[in-house]
Amino acid sequence: MNDAPLNRAELTAAKNKTVTRRLFLVVLGMFGFGFAMVPLYRLACEVGGINGVAGTPAGRVADTAAIPKPVDTSRVITVQLDATVNTGLPWEFRPLVKQIQVHPGEKVAVSYYAKNLSDQPITGQAVPGITPWQVTQHFSKIECFCFTQQVLQPGEAKEMPVYFTIDPAVDKQYATVTLSYTFMNTERDYTLTPAQHAAMNTSH
């Protein structure tokens, strides 16, 4: 008759030990997980670039612009070259070729010819233009005579190169693009249009 209460007490004690053991294991597991969260979080951030934690040193960003974009040989864009001399600039100015065929992503070189027809040294500034204007953001001039003012002595002539590329992301509907330059005499007081001001400020 006395064994039943004893067995129940032993059973209760055994259950309590089991619950205690399980709670201990849960606490231990939570502690271990919490300890591992820091390196796991850093790993996730390094992979995803979250919260400024990345695999590159602090303060540096991967220079994706320096990575050449693949050339899209399946597409061809016709680039027409145009040249204009503003009133008051006695120069001859023209592209050496009227148009070329390029692939998006391809680095291309073209040249313009300029000659001072006067008997005085003259400083000129080329103002670039891209049409259609929607292509402007995809048209990158790598090197261009429009980046600096050009000085020609009396009778002097020279060829001026332009290196450019067209981003493969440009919409396929733009199969023909015009690259134009207007040369202006910097020694004369011209009133530039807002579009010309913008072109000079963003010529790079």
C-alpha atoms as a PDB file:
ATOM      1  CA  MET A   1       0.000   0.000   0.000  1.00  0.00           C
ATOM      2  CA  ASN A   2       2.927   2.354   0.642  1.00  0.00           C
ATOM      3  CA  ASP A   3       4.612   1.583  -2.707  1.00  0.00           C
ATOM      4  CA  ALA A   4       2.102   3.510  -4.848  1.00  0.00           C
ATOM      5  CA  PRO A   5       2.767   6.931  -3.328  1.00  0.00           C
ATOM      6  CA  LEU A   6       6.501   6.236  -3.503  1.00  0.00           C
ATOM      7  CA  ASN A   7       6.298   5.285  -7.156  1.00  0.00           C
ATOM      8  CA  ARG A   8       4.322   8.393  -7.949  1.00  0.00           C
ATOM      9  CA  ALA A   9       6.920  10.506  -6.138  1.00  0.00           C
ATOM     10  CA  GLU A  10       9.741   8.832  -8.004  1.00  0.00           C
ATOM     11  CA  LEU A  11       7.877   9.293 -11.283  1.00  0.00           C
ATOM     12  CA  THR A  12       7.325  12.969 -10.556  1.00  0.00           C
ATOM     13  CA  ALA A  13      10.989  13.424  -9.666  1.00  0.00           C
ATOM     14  CA  ALA A  14      12.043  11.689 -12.863  1.00  0.00           C
ATOM     15  CA  LYS A  15       9.754  13.925 -14.925  1.00  0.00           C
ATOM     16  CA  ASN A  16      11.159  16.991 -13.189  1.00  0.00           C
ATOM     17  CA  LYS A  17      14.696  15.873 -13.999  1.00  0.00           C
ATOM     18  CA  THR A  18      13.732  15.355 -17.639  1.00  0.00           C
ATOM     19  CA  VAL A  19      12.121  18.795 -17.872  1.00  0.00           C
ATOM     20  CA  THR A  20      15.123  20.388 -16.178  1.00  0.00           C
ATOM     21  CA  ARG A  21      17.508  18.630 -18.561  1.00  0.00           C
ATOM     22  CA  ARG A  22      15.495  19.769 -21.574  1.00  0.00           C
ATOM     23  CA  LEU A  23      15.352  23.350 -20.314  1.00  0.00           C
ATOM     24  CA  PHE A  24      19.103  23.282 -19.799  1.00  0.00           C
ATOM     25  CA  LEU A  25      19.634  22.038 -23.336  1.00  0.00           C
ATOM     26  CA  VAL A  26      17.310  24.758 -24.692  1.00  0.00           C
ATOM     27  CA  VAL A  27      19.174  27.464 -22.770  1.00  0.00           C
ATOM     28  CA  LEU A  28      22.508  26.067 -23.927  1.00  0.00           C
ATOM     29  CA  GLY A  29      21.285  25.984 -27.522  1.00  0.00           C
ATOM     30  CA  MET A  30      20.019  29.567 -27.341  1.00  0.00           C
ATOM     31  CA  PHE A  31      23.351  30.700 -25.922  1.00  0.00           C
ATOM     32  CA  GLY A  32      25.243  28.931 -28.691  1.00  0.00           C
ATOM     33  CA  PHE A  33      22.953  30.388 -31.366  1.00  0.00           C
ATOM     34  CA  GLY A  34      23.323  33.868 -29.932  1.00  0.00           C
ATOM     35  CA  PHE A  35      27.099  33.486 -29.904  1.00  0.00           C
ATOM     36  CA  ALA A  36      27.086  32.349 -33.518  1.00  0.00           C
ATOM     37  CA  MET A  37      24.809  35.191 -34.646  1.00  0.00           C
ATOM     38  CA  VAL A  38      27.656  37.731 -34.823  1.00  0.00           C
ATOM     39  CA  PRO A  39      29.849  35.874 -37.352  1.00  0.00           C
ATOM     40  CA  LEU A  40      26.759  34.700 -39.244  1.00  0.00           C
ATOM     41  CA  TYR A  41      25.490  38.276 -39.465  1.00  0.00           C
ATOM     42  CA  ARG A  42      28.867  39.533 -40.678  1.00  0.00           C
ATOM     43  CA  LEU A  43      29.017  36.759 -43.267  1.00  0.00           C
ATOM     44  CA  ALA A  44      25.553  37.646 -44.545  1.00  0.00           C
ATOM     45  CA  CYS A  45      26.479  41.324 -44.680  1.00  0.00           C
ATOM     46  CA  GLU A  46      29.695  40.640 -46.558  1.00  0.00           C
ATOM     47  CA  VAL A  47      27.825  38.604 -49.142  1.00  0.00           C
ATOM     48  CA  GLY A  48      24.920  41.014 -49.497  1.00  0.00           C
ATOM     49  CA  GLY A  49      26.648  44.300 -48.737  1.00  0.00           C
ATOM     50  CA  ILE A  50      24.162  45.089 -45.955  1.00  0.00           C
ATOM     51  CA  ASN A  51      24.556  48.072 -43.613  1.00  0.00           C
ATOM     52  CA  GLY A  52      27.872  49.072 -45.097  1.00  0.00           C
ATOM     53  CA  VAL A  53      29.598  45.813 -44.202  1.00  0.00           C
ATOM     54  CA  ALA A  54      31.275  44.502 -47.294  1.00  0.00           C
ATOM     55  CA  GLY A  55      34.257  42.481 -48.357  1.00  0.00           C
ATOM     56  CA  THR A  56      36.116  45.624 -49.494  1.00  0.00           C
ATOM     57  CA  PRO A  57      38.037  47.811 -47.006  1.00  0.00           C
ATOM     58  CA  ALA A  58      36.084  50.502 -45.162  1.00  0.00           C
ATOM     59  CA  GLY A  59      35.439  53.613 -47.216  1.00  0.00           C
ATOM     60  CA  ARG A  60      36.057  51.865 -50.524  1.00  0.00           C
ATOM     61  CA  VAL A  61      33.524  50.865 -53.136  1.00  0.00           C
ATOM     62  CA  ALA A  62      34.175  48.334 -55.859  1.00  0.00           C
ATOM     63  CA  ASP A  63      35.074  50.303 -58.985  1.00  0.00           C
ATOM     64  CA  THR A  64      32.598  48.766 -61.408  1.00  0.00           C
ATOM     65  CA  ALA A  65      33.144  51.646 -63.835  1.00  0.00           C
ATOM     66  CA  ALA A  66      36.710  50.404 -64.393  1.00  0.00           C
ATOM     67  CA  ILE A  67      35.446  46.987 -65.454  1.00  0.00           C
ATOM     68  CA  PRO A  68      34.959  46.924 -69.237  1.00  0.00           C
ATOM     69  CA  LYS A  69      31.424  46.072 -70.255  1.00  0.00           C
ATOM     70  CA  PRO A  70      31.007  43.243 -72.745  1.00  0.00           C
ATOM     71  CA  VAL A  71      30.721  44.264 -76.380  1.00  0.00           C
ATOM     72  CA  ASP A  72      27.328  43.466 -77.884  1.00  0.00           C
ATOM     73  CA  THR A  73      28.397  42.199 -81.305  1.00  0.00           C
ATOM     74  CA  SER A  74      24.807  41.316 -82.175  1.00  0.00           C
ATOM     75  CA  ARG A  75      23.930  45.009 -82.533  1.00  0.00           C
ATOM     76  CA  VAL A  76      25.274  47.793 -84.744  1.00  0.00           C
ATOM     77  CA  ILE A  77      24.724  51.502 -84.136  1.00  0.00           C
ATOM     78  CA  THR A  78      25.426  54.107 -86.806  1.00  0.00           C
ATOM     79  CA  VAL A  79      27.158  57.151 -85.323  1.00  0.00           C
ATOM     80  CA  GLN A  80      26.943  60.227 -87.550  1.00  0.00           C
ATOM     81  CA  LEU A  81      29.564  62.932 -86.992  1.00  0.00           C
ATOM     82  CA  ASP A  82      28.705  66.607 -87.377  1.00  0.00           C
ATOM     83  CA  ALA A  83      30.641  69.852 -86.948  1.00  0.00           C
ATOM     84  CA  THR A  84      29.614  73.507 -86.779  1.00  0.00           C
ATOM     85  CA  VAL A  85      31.654  76.692 -86.396  1.00  0.00           C
ATOM     86  CA  ASN A  86      29.946  79.519 -84.553  1.00  0.00           C
ATOM     87  CA  THR A  87      29.847  83.027 -86.013  1.00  0.00           C
ATOM     88  CA  GLY A  88      33.028  84.947 -85.285  1.00  0.00           C
ATOM     89  CA  LEU A  89      35.374  81.961 -85.311  1.00  0.00           C
ATOM     90  CA  PRO A  90      37.430  81.936 -88.550  1.00  0.00           C
ATOM     91  CA  TRP A  91      38.190  78.235 -88.392  1.00  0.00           C
ATOM     92  CA  GLU A  92      37.705  75.305 -90.676  1.00  0.00           C
ATOM     93  CA  PHE A  93      36.251  72.482 -88.606  1.00  0.00           C
ATOM     94  CA  ARG A  94      35.002  69.104 -89.785  1.00  0.00           C
ATOM     95  CA  PRO A  95      35.021  65.383 -88.948  1.00  0.00           C
ATOM     96  CA  LEU A  96      37.456  63.229 -90.906  1.00  0.00           C
ATOM     97  CA  VAL A  97      34.672  60.714 -91.533  1.00  0.00           C
ATOM     98  CA  LYS A  98      30.950  61.372 -91.814  1.00  0.00           C
ATOM     99  CA  GLN A  99      29.769  58.263 -89.990  1.00  0.00           C
ATOM    100  CA  ILE A 100      30.935  54.963 -88.530  1.00  0.00           C
ATOM    101  CA  GLN A 101      29.382  51.681 -87.443  1.00  0.00           C
ATOM    102  CA  VAL A 102      29.960  50.648 -83.824  1.00  0.00           C
ATOM    103  CA  HIS A 103      28.926  47.853 -81.479  1.00  0.00           C
ATOM    104  CA  PRO A 104      27.505  48.816 -78.059  1.00  0.00           C
ATOM    105  CA  GLY A 105      30.258  48.507 -75.462  1.00  0.00           C
ATOM    106  CA  GLU A 106      33.021  48.922 -78.050  1.00  0.00           C
ATOM    107  CA  LYS A 107      35.675  51.599 -77.487  1.00  0.00           C
ATOM    108  CA  VAL A 108      35.799  53.737 -80.625  1.00  0.00           C
ATOM    109  CA  ALA A 109      38.175  56.449 -81.838  1.00  0.00           C
ATOM    110  CA  VAL A 110      37.313  59.173 -84.345  1.00  0.00           C
ATOM    111  CA  SER A 111      39.039  62.434 -85.253  1.00  0.00           C
ATOM    112  CA  TYR A 112      38.023  65.968 -86.150  1.00  0.00           C
ATOM    113  CA  TYR A 113      40.085  68.434 -88.167  1.00  0.00           C
ATOM    114  CA  ALA A 114      40.450  72.098 -87.240  1.00  0.00           C
ATOM    115  CA  LYS A 115      42.401  74.916 -88.897  1.00  0.00           C
ATOM    116  CA  ASN A 116      42.787  78.559 -87.957  1.00  0.00           C
ATOM    117  CA  LEU A 117      42.155  80.584 -91.135  1.00  0.00           C
ATOM    118  CA  SER A 118      43.027  83.930 -89.553  1.00  0.00           C
ATOM    119  CA  ASP A 119      46.327  85.735 -88.949  1.00  0.00           C
ATOM    120  CA  GLN A 120      45.788  85.779 -85.179  1.00  0.00           C
ATOM    121  CA  PRO A 121      46.047  83.055 -82.516  1.00  0.00           C
ATOM    122  CA  ILE A 122      42.570  82.048 -81.382  1.00  0.00           C
ATOM    123  CA  THR A 123      41.296  79.994 -78.462  1.00  0.00           C
ATOM    124  CA  GLY A 124      38.222  77.898 -79.144  1.00  0.00           C
ATOM    125  CA  GLN A 125      35.931  75.742 -77.047  1.00  0.00           C
ATOM    126  CA  ALA A 126      33.944  72.851 -78.499  1.00  0.00           C
ATOM    127  CA  VAL A 127      30.427  72.281 -77.186  1.00  0.00           C
ATOM    128  CA  PRO A 128      29.254  68.680 -77.698  1.00  0.00           C
ATOM    129  CA  GLY A 129      25.772  67.448 -78.451  1.00  0.00           C
ATOM    130  CA  ILE A 130      24.157  64.013 -78.726  1.00  0.00           C
ATOM    131  CA  THR A 131      20.928  63.246 -80.559  1.00  0.00           C
ATOM    132  CA  PRO A 132      18.554  61.681 -79.827  1.00  0.00           C
ATOM    133  CA  TRP A 133      18.910  63.166 -76.347  1.00  0.00           C
ATOM    134  CA  GLN A 134      17.725  59.886 -74.796  1.00  0.00           C
ATOM    135  CA  VAL A 135      21.076  58.353 -75.755  1.00  0.00           C
ATOM    136  CA  THR A 136      23.110  60.998 -73.905  1.00  0.00           C
ATOM    137  CA  GLN A 137      23.254  59.085 -70.614  1.00  0.00           C
ATOM    138  CA  HIS A 138      24.559  56.007 -72.454  1.00  0.00           C
ATOM    139  CA  PHE A 139      27.163  57.870 -74.546  1.00  0.00           C
ATOM    140  CA  SER A 140      30.485  58.150 -72.697  1.00  0.00           C
ATOM    141  CA  LYS A 141      33.335  60.276 -74.024  1.00  0.00           C
ATOM    142  CA  ILE A 142      36.525  58.726 -72.628  1.00  0.00           C
ATOM    143  CA  GLU A 143      38.878  61.302 -74.143  1.00  0.00           C
ATOM    144  CA  CYS A 144      37.773  64.399 -76.022  1.00  0.00           C
ATOM    145  CA  PHE A 145      39.167  67.691 -77.284  1.00  0.00           C
ATOM    146  CA  CYS A 146      36.026  69.269 -75.836  1.00  0.00           C
ATOM    147  CA  PHE A 147      37.360  68.659 -72.312  1.00  0.00           C
ATOM    148  CA  THR A 148      39.752  71.599 -72.687  1.00  0.00           C
ATOM    149  CA  GLN A 149      40.060  74.799 -74.701  1.00  0.00           C
ATOM    150  CA  GLN A 150      41.976  74.534 -77.960  1.00  0.00           C
ATOM    151  CA  VAL A 151      44.490  77.161 -79.084  1.00  0.00           C
ATOM    152  CA  LEU A 152      45.402  77.420 -82.766  1.00  0.00           C
ATOM    153  CA  GLN A 153      48.117  79.718 -84.034  1.00  0.00           C
ATOM    154  CA  PRO A 154      47.644  81.611 -87.353  1.00  0.00           C
ATOM    155  CA  GLY A 155      47.320  79.047 -90.122  1.00  0.00           C
ATOM    156  CA  GLU A 156      47.783  76.143 -87.709  1.00  0.00           C
ATOM    157  CA  ALA A 157      45.845  72.944 -88.343  1.00  0.00           C
ATOM    158  CA  LYS A 158      45.541  69.809 -86.256  1.00  0.00           C
ATOM    159  CA  GLU A 159      43.558  66.636 -85.841  1.00  0.00           C
ATOM    160  CA  MET A 160      41.695  66.210 -82.576  1.00  0.00           C
ATOM    161  CA  PRO A 161      40.693  62.696 -81.465  1.00  0.00           C
ATOM    162  CA  VAL A 162      37.621  61.567 -79.577  1.00  0.00           C
ATOM    163  CA  TYR A 163      37.410  58.220 -77.786  1.00  0.00           C
ATOM    164  CA  PHE A 164      33.953  57.087 -76.811  1.00  0.00           C
ATOM    165  CA  THR A 165      31.763  54.108 -76.062  1.00  0.00           C
ATOM    166  CA  ILE A 166      28.018  53.503 -76.072  1.00  0.00           C
ATOM    167  CA  ASP A 167      26.597  51.523 -73.171  1.00  0.00           C
ATOM    168  CA  PRO A 168      24.993  48.203 -74.221  1.00  0.00           C
ATOM    169  CA  ALA A 169      22.043  49.207 -72.016  1.00  0.00           C
ATOM    170  CA  VAL A 170      20.946  51.777 -74.614  1.00  0.00           C
ATOM    171  CA  ASP A 171      17.495  51.024 -75.989  1.00  0.00           C
ATOM    172  CA  LYS A 172      17.511  49.003 -79.199  1.00  0.00           C
ATOM    173  CA  GLN A 173      15.230  51.507 -80.926  1.00  0.00           C
ATOM    174  CA  TYR A 174      18.163  53.943 -81.207  1.00  0.00           C
ATOM    175  CA  ALA A 175      20.038  52.522 -84.183  1.00  0.00           C
ATOM    176  CA  THR A 176      21.360  55.911 -85.352  1.00  0.00           C
ATOM    177  CA  VAL A 177      23.076  58.481 -83.137  1.00  0.00           C
ATOM    178  CA  THR A 178      24.558  61.870 -84.039  1.00  0.00           C
ATOM    179  CA  LEU A 179      27.647  63.217 -82.277  1.00  0.00           C
ATOM    180  CA  SER A 180      27.960  66.928 -83.004  1.00  0.00           C
ATOM    181  CA  TYR A 181      30.319  69.689 -81.924  1.00  0.00           C
ATOM    182  CA  THR A 182      29.961  73.446 -82.159  1.00  0.00           C
ATOM    183  CA  PHE A 183      33.243  75.350 -81.872  1.00  0.00           C
ATOM    184  CA  MET A 184      33.031  78.793 -80.275  1.00  0.00           C
ATOM    185  CA  ASN A 185      35.540  81.625 -79.990  1.00  0.00           C
ATOM    186  CA  THR A 186      36.246  82.045 -76.274  1.00  0.00           C
ATOM    187  CA  GLU A 187      37.596  85.551 -76.863  1.00  0.00           C
ATOM    188  CA  ARG A 188      34.217  86.834 -77.991  1.00  0.00           C
ATOM    189  CA  ASP A 189      31.307  87.625 -75.695  1.00  0.00           C
ATOM    190  CA  TYR A 190      28.759  84.984 -76.633  1.00  0.00           C
ATOM    191  CA  THR A 191      25.470  84.446 -74.894  1.00  0.00           C
ATOM    192  CA  LEU A 192      25.193  80.687 -74.488  1.00  0.00           C
ATOM    193  CA  THR A 193      21.840  78.992 -74.475  1.00  0.00           C
ATOM    194  CA  PRO A 194      20.908  76.903 -71.402  1.00  0.00           C
ATOM    195  CA  ALA A 195      21.456  73.764 -73.486  1.00  0.00           C
ATOM    196  CA  GLN A 196      24.995  74.874 -74.414  1.00  0.00           C
ATOM    197  CA  HIS A 197      25.789  75.680 -70.784  1.00  0.00           C
ATOM    198  CA  ALA A 198      24.593  72.209 -69.773  1.00  0.00           C
ATOM    199  CA  ALA A 199      26.604  70.559 -72.542  1.00  0.00           C
ATOM    200  CA  MET A 200      29.811  72.321 -71.502  1.00  0.00           C
ATOM    201  CA  ASN A 201      29.278  71.437 -67.837  1.00  0.00           C
ATOM    202  CA  THR A 202      28.649  67.764 -68.616  1.00  0.00           C
ATOM    203  CA  SER A 203      31.071  67.305 -71.488  1.00  0.00           C
ATOM    204  CA  HIS A 204      32.970  64.714 -69.452  1.00  0.00           C
END
